Amino acid sequence: MKHTIPLIFQKRHILPGGRIPIRVAPGPQMDAFKTALKQGDSFGVCMFDTDDTGHHFFGVCTRVTVEDFDTSMKDGALIATVAGHEALQIESLDEDDNGFLPRTATVFPNGLTPPFATIKKCWPIS
């Protein structure tokens, strides 16, 4: 089954069935988060890495829903606890007018996630 879902980039990954707090900083990530919640009840969390050539995300994400959230008094960041539902293989990238990156993704068969050693870093992100 194919999905078109918005993504939030994080430095760590959540697996289906897991729960994790994510920090959503004010600015483009917060705008993306708000847009995701307006479009539906779920979005994708995608892990990214930084190297000498910039930021790169991995070609797998997890569809999540928000269970709880709070605002950091320190810097205004949103701290959201999300629950992972299914692993998705990212197939395409598009950027809309908000700078938000919707994705087309396919659910991994039987809800499995491939070992991270087999997942390549894919497209650069800015």
N, C-alpha and C. Protein backbone atom coordinates (compact mmCIF):
# COMPACT_ATOMS: atom_id res chain seq x y z
N MET A 1 0.84 -1.17 0.00
CA MET A 1 0.00 0.00 0.00
C MET A 1 0.89 1.24 0.00
N LYS A 2 0.56 2.23 -0.83
CA LYS A 2 1.35 3.46 -0.92
C LYS A 2 0.71 4.54 -0.07
N HIS A 3 1.57 5.36 0.52
CA HIS A 3 1.15 6.50 1.34
C HIS A 3 1.83 7.75 0.84
N THR A 4 1.16 8.88 0.97
CA THR A 4 1.81 10.16 0.81
C THR A 4 1.69 10.83 2.17
N ILE A 5 2.81 10.95 2.86
CA ILE A 5 2.78 11.50 4.21
C ILE A 5 3.88 12.54 4.37
N PRO A 6 3.62 13.53 5.21
CA PRO A 6 4.67 14.49 5.52
C PRO A 6 5.70 13.87 6.45
N LEU A 7 6.93 14.42 6.42
CA LEU A 7 8.01 13.90 7.25
C LEU A 7 8.57 14.94 8.19
N ILE A 8 9.01 14.47 9.34
CA ILE A 8 9.80 15.25 10.30
C ILE A 8 11.14 14.53 10.39
N PHE A 9 12.23 15.26 10.27
CA PHE A 9 13.57 14.66 10.34
C PHE A 9 14.10 14.72 11.76
N GLN A 10 14.64 13.60 12.23
CA GLN A 10 15.22 13.48 13.56
C GLN A 10 16.55 12.75 13.47
N LYS A 11 17.37 12.87 14.51
CA LYS A 11 18.66 12.17 14.51
C LYS A 11 18.56 10.76 15.06
N ARG A 12 17.37 10.32 15.43
CA ARG A 12 17.19 8.95 15.90
C ARG A 12 15.94 8.37 15.25
N HIS A 13 15.83 7.06 15.31
CA HIS A 13 14.76 6.35 14.61
C HIS A 13 13.80 5.73 15.61
N ILE A 14 12.54 5.69 15.26
CA ILE A 14 11.53 4.98 16.06
C ILE A 14 11.07 3.77 15.26
N LEU A 15 10.91 2.66 15.93
CA LEU A 15 10.44 1.44 15.28
C LEU A 15 8.94 1.28 15.49
N PRO A 16 8.27 0.53 14.61
CA PRO A 16 6.85 0.24 14.82
C PRO A 16 6.65 -0.41 16.19
N GLY A 17 5.64 0.05 16.90
CA GLY A 17 5.36 -0.44 18.25
C GLY A 17 6.09 0.31 19.33
N GLY A 18 7.03 1.16 18.96
CA GLY A 18 7.81 1.92 19.94
C GLY A 18 7.20 3.28 20.24
N ARG A 19 7.71 3.90 21.29
CA ARG A 19 7.33 5.26 21.67
C ARG A 19 8.60 6.02 21.97
N ILE A 20 8.62 7.31 21.58
CA ILE A 20 9.82 8.10 21.78
C ILE A 20 9.43 9.58 21.83
N PRO A 21 10.11 10.34 22.69
CA PRO A 21 9.89 11.79 22.65
C PRO A 21 10.75 12.39 21.53
N ILE A 22 10.17 13.28 20.77
CA ILE A 22 10.94 13.98 19.75
C ILE A 22 10.89 15.48 20.04
N ARG A 23 11.97 16.16 19.69
CA ARG A 23 12.05 17.61 19.89
C ARG A 23 11.81 18.25 18.52
N VAL A 24 10.83 19.14 18.49
CA VAL A 24 10.50 19.85 17.25
C VAL A 24 10.83 21.31 17.49
N ALA A 25 11.91 21.78 16.84
CA ALA A 25 12.40 23.14 17.05
C ALA A 25 11.51 24.16 16.33
N PRO A 26 11.43 25.38 16.89
CA PRO A 26 10.72 26.45 16.19
C PRO A 26 11.36 26.68 14.82
N GLY A 27 10.57 27.07 13.85
CA GLY A 27 11.07 27.28 12.49
C GLY A 27 10.51 26.25 11.54
N PRO A 28 11.30 25.81 10.56
CA PRO A 28 10.79 24.89 9.54
C PRO A 28 10.26 23.57 10.09
N GLN A 29 10.93 22.99 11.11
CA GLN A 29 10.44 21.73 11.68
C GLN A 29 9.08 21.91 12.36
N MET A 30 8.90 23.03 13.07
CA MET A 30 7.63 23.31 13.74
C MET A 30 6.53 23.53 12.69
N ASP A 31 6.86 24.27 11.62
CA ASP A 31 5.88 24.48 10.54
C ASP A 31 5.47 23.15 9.93
N ALA A 32 6.45 22.27 9.70
CA ALA A 32 6.17 20.95 9.14
C ALA A 32 5.28 20.14 10.09
N PHE A 33 5.58 20.20 11.37
CA PHE A 33 4.80 19.47 12.38
C PHE A 33 3.35 19.95 12.39
N LYS A 34 3.15 21.27 12.39
CA LYS A 34 1.79 21.83 12.38
C LYS A 34 1.04 21.43 11.12
N THR A 35 1.72 21.50 9.98
CA THR A 35 1.09 21.11 8.72
C THR A 35 0.69 19.64 8.74
N ALA A 36 1.58 18.80 9.28
CA ALA A 36 1.29 17.36 9.36
C ALA A 36 0.03 17.11 10.18
N LEU A 37 -0.10 17.80 11.32
CA LEU A 37 -1.27 17.58 12.17
C LEU A 37 -2.54 18.11 11.52
N LYS A 38 -2.44 19.18 10.75
CA LYS A 38 -3.61 19.72 10.05
C LYS A 38 -4.07 18.78 8.93
N GLN A 39 -3.12 18.08 8.29
CA GLN A 39 -3.44 17.20 7.17
C GLN A 39 -4.00 15.85 7.61
N GLY A 40 -3.78 15.46 8.81
CA GLY A 40 -4.26 14.15 9.27
C GLY A 40 -3.71 13.85 10.64
N ASP A 41 -3.90 12.62 11.07
CA ASP A 41 -3.49 12.28 12.43
C ASP A 41 -2.12 11.62 12.49
N SER A 42 -1.44 11.45 11.35
CA SER A 42 -0.13 10.81 11.40
C SER A 42 0.84 11.48 10.43
N PHE A 43 2.11 11.20 10.65
CA PHE A 43 3.17 11.69 9.78
C PHE A 43 4.34 10.74 9.92
N GLY A 44 5.37 10.92 9.12
CA GLY A 44 6.53 10.06 9.18
C GLY A 44 7.67 10.70 9.93
N VAL A 45 8.40 9.89 10.70
CA VAL A 45 9.64 10.34 11.34
C VAL A 45 10.77 9.62 10.62
N CYS A 46 11.68 10.42 10.08
CA CYS A 46 12.78 9.89 9.29
C CYS A 46 14.10 10.29 9.92
N MET A 47 14.99 9.34 10.07
CA MET A 47 16.30 9.61 10.66
C MET A 47 17.22 10.22 9.61
N PHE A 48 18.03 11.19 10.04
CA PHE A 48 19.01 11.77 9.14
C PHE A 48 20.39 11.75 9.79
N ASP A 49 21.40 11.93 8.97
CA ASP A 49 22.77 11.92 9.41
C ASP A 49 23.48 13.10 8.76
N THR A 50 24.54 13.56 9.37
CA THR A 50 25.32 14.66 8.83
C THR A 50 26.73 14.17 8.54
N ASP A 51 27.24 14.53 7.36
CA ASP A 51 28.63 14.23 7.03
C ASP A 51 29.25 15.47 6.38
N ASP A 52 30.40 15.31 5.79
CA ASP A 52 31.12 16.45 5.19
C ASP A 52 30.35 17.11 4.05
N THR A 53 29.44 16.39 3.44
CA THR A 53 28.70 16.95 2.30
C THR A 53 27.32 17.48 2.69
N GLY A 54 26.95 17.40 3.96
CA GLY A 54 25.67 17.93 4.41
C GLY A 54 24.82 16.90 5.12
N HIS A 55 23.52 17.17 5.14
CA HIS A 55 22.55 16.27 5.78
C HIS A 55 22.01 15.28 4.75
N HIS A 56 21.87 14.03 5.15
CA HIS A 56 21.30 12.99 4.30
C HIS A 56 20.30 12.19 5.13
N PHE A 57 19.15 11.87 4.54
CA PHE A 57 18.22 11.04 5.29
C PHE A 57 18.25 9.62 4.78
N PHE A 58 17.82 8.71 5.65
CA PHE A 58 17.78 7.29 5.31
C PHE A 58 16.46 7.01 4.59
N GLY A 59 16.45 6.05 3.69
CA GLY A 59 15.29 5.76 2.85
C GLY A 59 14.19 4.98 3.53
N VAL A 60 14.12 5.05 4.84
CA VAL A 60 13.05 4.39 5.59
C VAL A 60 12.57 5.37 6.66
N CYS A 61 11.27 5.33 6.92
CA CYS A 61 10.72 6.15 8.00
C CYS A 61 9.67 5.31 8.72
N THR A 62 9.16 5.84 9.81
CA THR A 62 8.09 5.17 10.55
C THR A 62 6.91 6.11 10.66
N ARG A 63 5.73 5.62 10.30
CA ARG A 63 4.51 6.42 10.47
C ARG A 63 4.20 6.47 11.95
N VAL A 64 3.97 7.69 12.46
CA VAL A 64 3.73 7.87 13.89
C VAL A 64 2.48 8.71 14.12
N THR A 65 1.95 8.62 15.34
CA THR A 65 0.90 9.51 15.82
C THR A 65 1.38 10.14 17.12
N VAL A 66 0.87 11.32 17.42
CA VAL A 66 1.25 12.05 18.64
C VAL A 66 0.39 11.55 19.79
N GLU A 67 1.03 11.16 20.89
CA GLU A 67 0.31 10.73 22.09
C GLU A 67 0.20 11.85 23.12
N ASP A 68 1.23 12.70 23.19
CA ASP A 68 1.25 13.76 24.18
C ASP A 68 2.28 14.80 23.72
N PHE A 69 2.15 16.03 24.21
CA PHE A 69 3.15 17.04 23.86
C PHE A 69 3.19 18.13 24.94
N ASP A 70 4.30 18.84 24.96
CA ASP A 70 4.52 19.94 25.88
C ASP A 70 5.49 20.90 25.21
N THR A 71 5.53 22.13 25.69
CA THR A 71 6.44 23.13 25.15
C THR A 71 7.58 23.35 26.11
N SER A 72 8.79 23.41 25.59
CA SER A 72 9.97 23.68 26.40
C SER A 72 9.99 25.15 26.78
N MET A 73 10.10 25.44 28.07
CA MET A 73 10.17 26.82 28.55
C MET A 73 11.51 27.44 28.16
N LYS A 74 12.51 26.60 27.93
CA LYS A 74 13.86 27.08 27.64
C LYS A 74 13.97 27.75 26.28
N ASP A 75 13.43 27.09 25.23
CA ASP A 75 13.62 27.63 23.88
C ASP A 75 12.37 27.60 23.00
N GLY A 76 11.22 27.22 23.56
CA GLY A 76 9.99 27.21 22.78
C GLY A 76 9.81 25.98 21.90
N ALA A 77 10.74 25.04 21.98
CA ALA A 77 10.61 23.81 21.19
C ALA A 77 9.43 22.98 21.70
N LEU A 78 8.86 22.22 20.82
CA LEU A 78 7.78 21.32 21.18
C LEU A 78 8.39 19.96 21.46
N ILE A 79 8.04 19.36 22.59
CA ILE A 79 8.48 18.00 22.92
C ILE A 79 7.24 17.12 22.78
N ALA A 80 7.23 16.27 21.76
CA ALA A 80 6.06 15.42 21.49
C ALA A 80 6.44 13.96 21.69
N THR A 81 5.58 13.23 22.39
CA THR A 81 5.75 11.79 22.50
C THR A 81 4.96 11.16 21.37
N VAL A 82 5.66 10.39 20.53
CA VAL A 82 5.01 9.78 19.38
C VAL A 82 5.06 8.26 19.49
N ALA A 83 4.07 7.60 18.90
CA ALA A 83 4.00 6.14 18.86
C ALA A 83 4.20 5.69 17.42
N GLY A 84 5.09 4.71 17.21
CA GLY A 84 5.37 4.19 15.88
C GLY A 84 4.35 3.14 15.47
N HIS A 85 3.93 3.19 14.20
CA HIS A 85 2.90 2.26 13.72
C HIS A 85 3.38 1.32 12.62
N GLU A 86 4.04 1.84 11.60
CA GLU A 86 4.51 0.96 10.53
C GLU A 86 5.72 1.58 9.85
N ALA A 87 6.62 0.72 9.40
CA ALA A 87 7.82 1.16 8.69
C ALA A 87 7.47 1.36 7.22
N LEU A 88 8.00 2.43 6.65
CA LEU A 88 7.73 2.78 5.26
C LEU A 88 9.04 2.96 4.50
N GLN A 89 9.09 2.46 3.28
CA GLN A 89 10.22 2.70 2.38
C GLN A 89 9.90 3.95 1.57
N ILE A 90 10.75 4.96 1.65
CA ILE A 90 10.51 6.22 0.95
C ILE A 90 10.85 6.05 -0.52
N GLU A 91 9.90 6.44 -1.39
CA GLU A 91 10.08 6.27 -2.82
C GLU A 91 10.28 7.57 -3.57
N SER A 92 9.72 8.66 -3.08
CA SER A 92 9.88 9.92 -3.81
C SER A 92 9.88 11.10 -2.85
N LEU A 93 10.46 12.18 -3.33
CA LEU A 93 10.59 13.41 -2.55
C LEU A 93 9.98 14.57 -3.32
N ASP A 94 9.30 15.41 -2.63
CA ASP A 94 8.78 16.65 -3.19
C ASP A 94 8.82 17.70 -2.11
N GLU A 95 9.01 18.94 -2.51
CA GLU A 95 8.98 20.04 -1.55
C GLU A 95 7.85 20.97 -1.94
N ASP A 96 6.98 21.29 -0.97
CA ASP A 96 5.88 22.20 -1.28
C ASP A 96 6.24 23.63 -0.90
N ASP A 97 5.32 24.52 -1.04
CA ASP A 97 5.56 25.95 -0.79
C ASP A 97 5.96 26.26 0.64
N ASN A 98 5.58 25.42 1.59
CA ASN A 98 5.92 25.64 2.99
C ASN A 98 7.32 25.15 3.34
N GLY A 99 8.03 24.58 2.37
CA GLY A 99 9.32 24.00 2.66
C GLY A 99 9.18 22.63 3.29
N PHE A 100 7.97 22.16 3.39
CA PHE A 100 7.64 20.88 4.00
C PHE A 100 7.81 19.80 2.95
N LEU A 101 8.30 18.64 3.34
CA LEU A 101 8.63 17.61 2.35
C LEU A 101 7.68 16.42 2.41
N PRO A 102 6.58 16.43 1.64
CA PRO A 102 5.73 15.23 1.60
C PRO A 102 6.47 14.10 0.89
N ARG A 103 6.15 12.89 1.22
CA ARG A 103 6.82 11.73 0.66
C ARG A 103 5.80 10.73 0.13
N THR A 104 6.20 10.00 -0.89
CA THR A 104 5.43 8.83 -1.28
C THR A 104 6.22 7.64 -0.75
N ALA A 105 5.54 6.76 -0.03
CA ALA A 105 6.22 5.65 0.62
C ALA A 105 5.35 4.40 0.55
N THR A 106 6.00 3.24 0.61
CA THR A 106 5.32 1.95 0.60
C THR A 106 5.58 1.25 1.93
N VAL A 107 4.53 0.64 2.47
CA VAL A 107 4.65 -0.11 3.73
C VAL A 107 5.50 -1.36 3.48
N PHE A 108 6.45 -1.63 4.40
CA PHE A 108 7.23 -2.85 4.30
C PHE A 108 6.30 -4.05 4.51
N PRO A 109 6.52 -5.14 3.77
CA PRO A 109 5.67 -6.32 3.93
C PRO A 109 5.73 -6.86 5.36
N ASN A 110 4.59 -7.30 5.84
CA ASN A 110 4.46 -7.90 7.17
C ASN A 110 4.93 -6.97 8.29
N GLY A 111 4.97 -5.68 8.01
CA GLY A 111 5.36 -4.72 9.04
C GLY A 111 6.82 -4.81 9.43
N LEU A 112 7.64 -5.48 8.64
CA LEU A 112 9.05 -5.65 8.98
C LEU A 112 9.85 -4.41 8.63
N THR A 113 10.91 -4.18 9.36
CA THR A 113 11.86 -3.14 9.04
C THR A 113 13.17 -3.83 8.71
N PRO A 114 13.81 -3.46 7.59
CA PRO A 114 15.07 -4.11 7.25
C PRO A 114 16.17 -3.71 8.23
N PRO A 115 17.20 -4.52 8.37
CA PRO A 115 18.31 -4.16 9.25
C PRO A 115 18.93 -2.85 8.77
N PHE A 116 19.33 -1.99 9.70
CA PHE A 116 19.86 -0.69 9.32
C PHE A 116 21.13 -0.81 8.49
N ALA A 117 21.84 -1.89 8.60
CA ALA A 117 23.05 -2.07 7.81
C ALA A 117 22.72 -2.13 6.32
N THR A 118 21.49 -2.52 5.97
CA THR A 118 21.11 -2.62 4.56
C THR A 118 20.43 -1.36 4.04
N ILE A 119 20.16 -0.39 4.90
CA ILE A 119 19.50 0.84 4.48
C ILE A 119 20.54 1.88 4.09
N LYS A 120 20.45 2.35 2.87
CA LYS A 120 21.41 3.35 2.39
C LYS A 120 20.95 4.75 2.75
N LYS A 121 21.92 5.62 2.92
CA LYS A 121 21.59 7.03 2.98
C LYS A 121 21.13 7.41 1.59
N CYS A 122 20.10 8.20 1.52
CA CYS A 122 19.56 8.53 0.21
C CYS A 122 19.82 9.97 -0.14
N TRP A 123 18.77 10.71 -0.26
CA TRP A 123 18.81 12.05 -0.80
C TRP A 123 19.35 13.06 0.21
N PRO A 124 20.05 14.07 -0.30
CA PRO A 124 20.49 15.15 0.58
C PRO A 124 19.30 16.02 0.97
N ILE A 125 19.33 16.58 2.15
CA ILE A 125 18.32 17.53 2.58
C ILE A 125 19.01 18.82 2.95
N SER A 126 18.29 19.91 2.82
CA SER A 126 18.91 21.18 3.18
C SER A 126 18.40 21.68 4.51
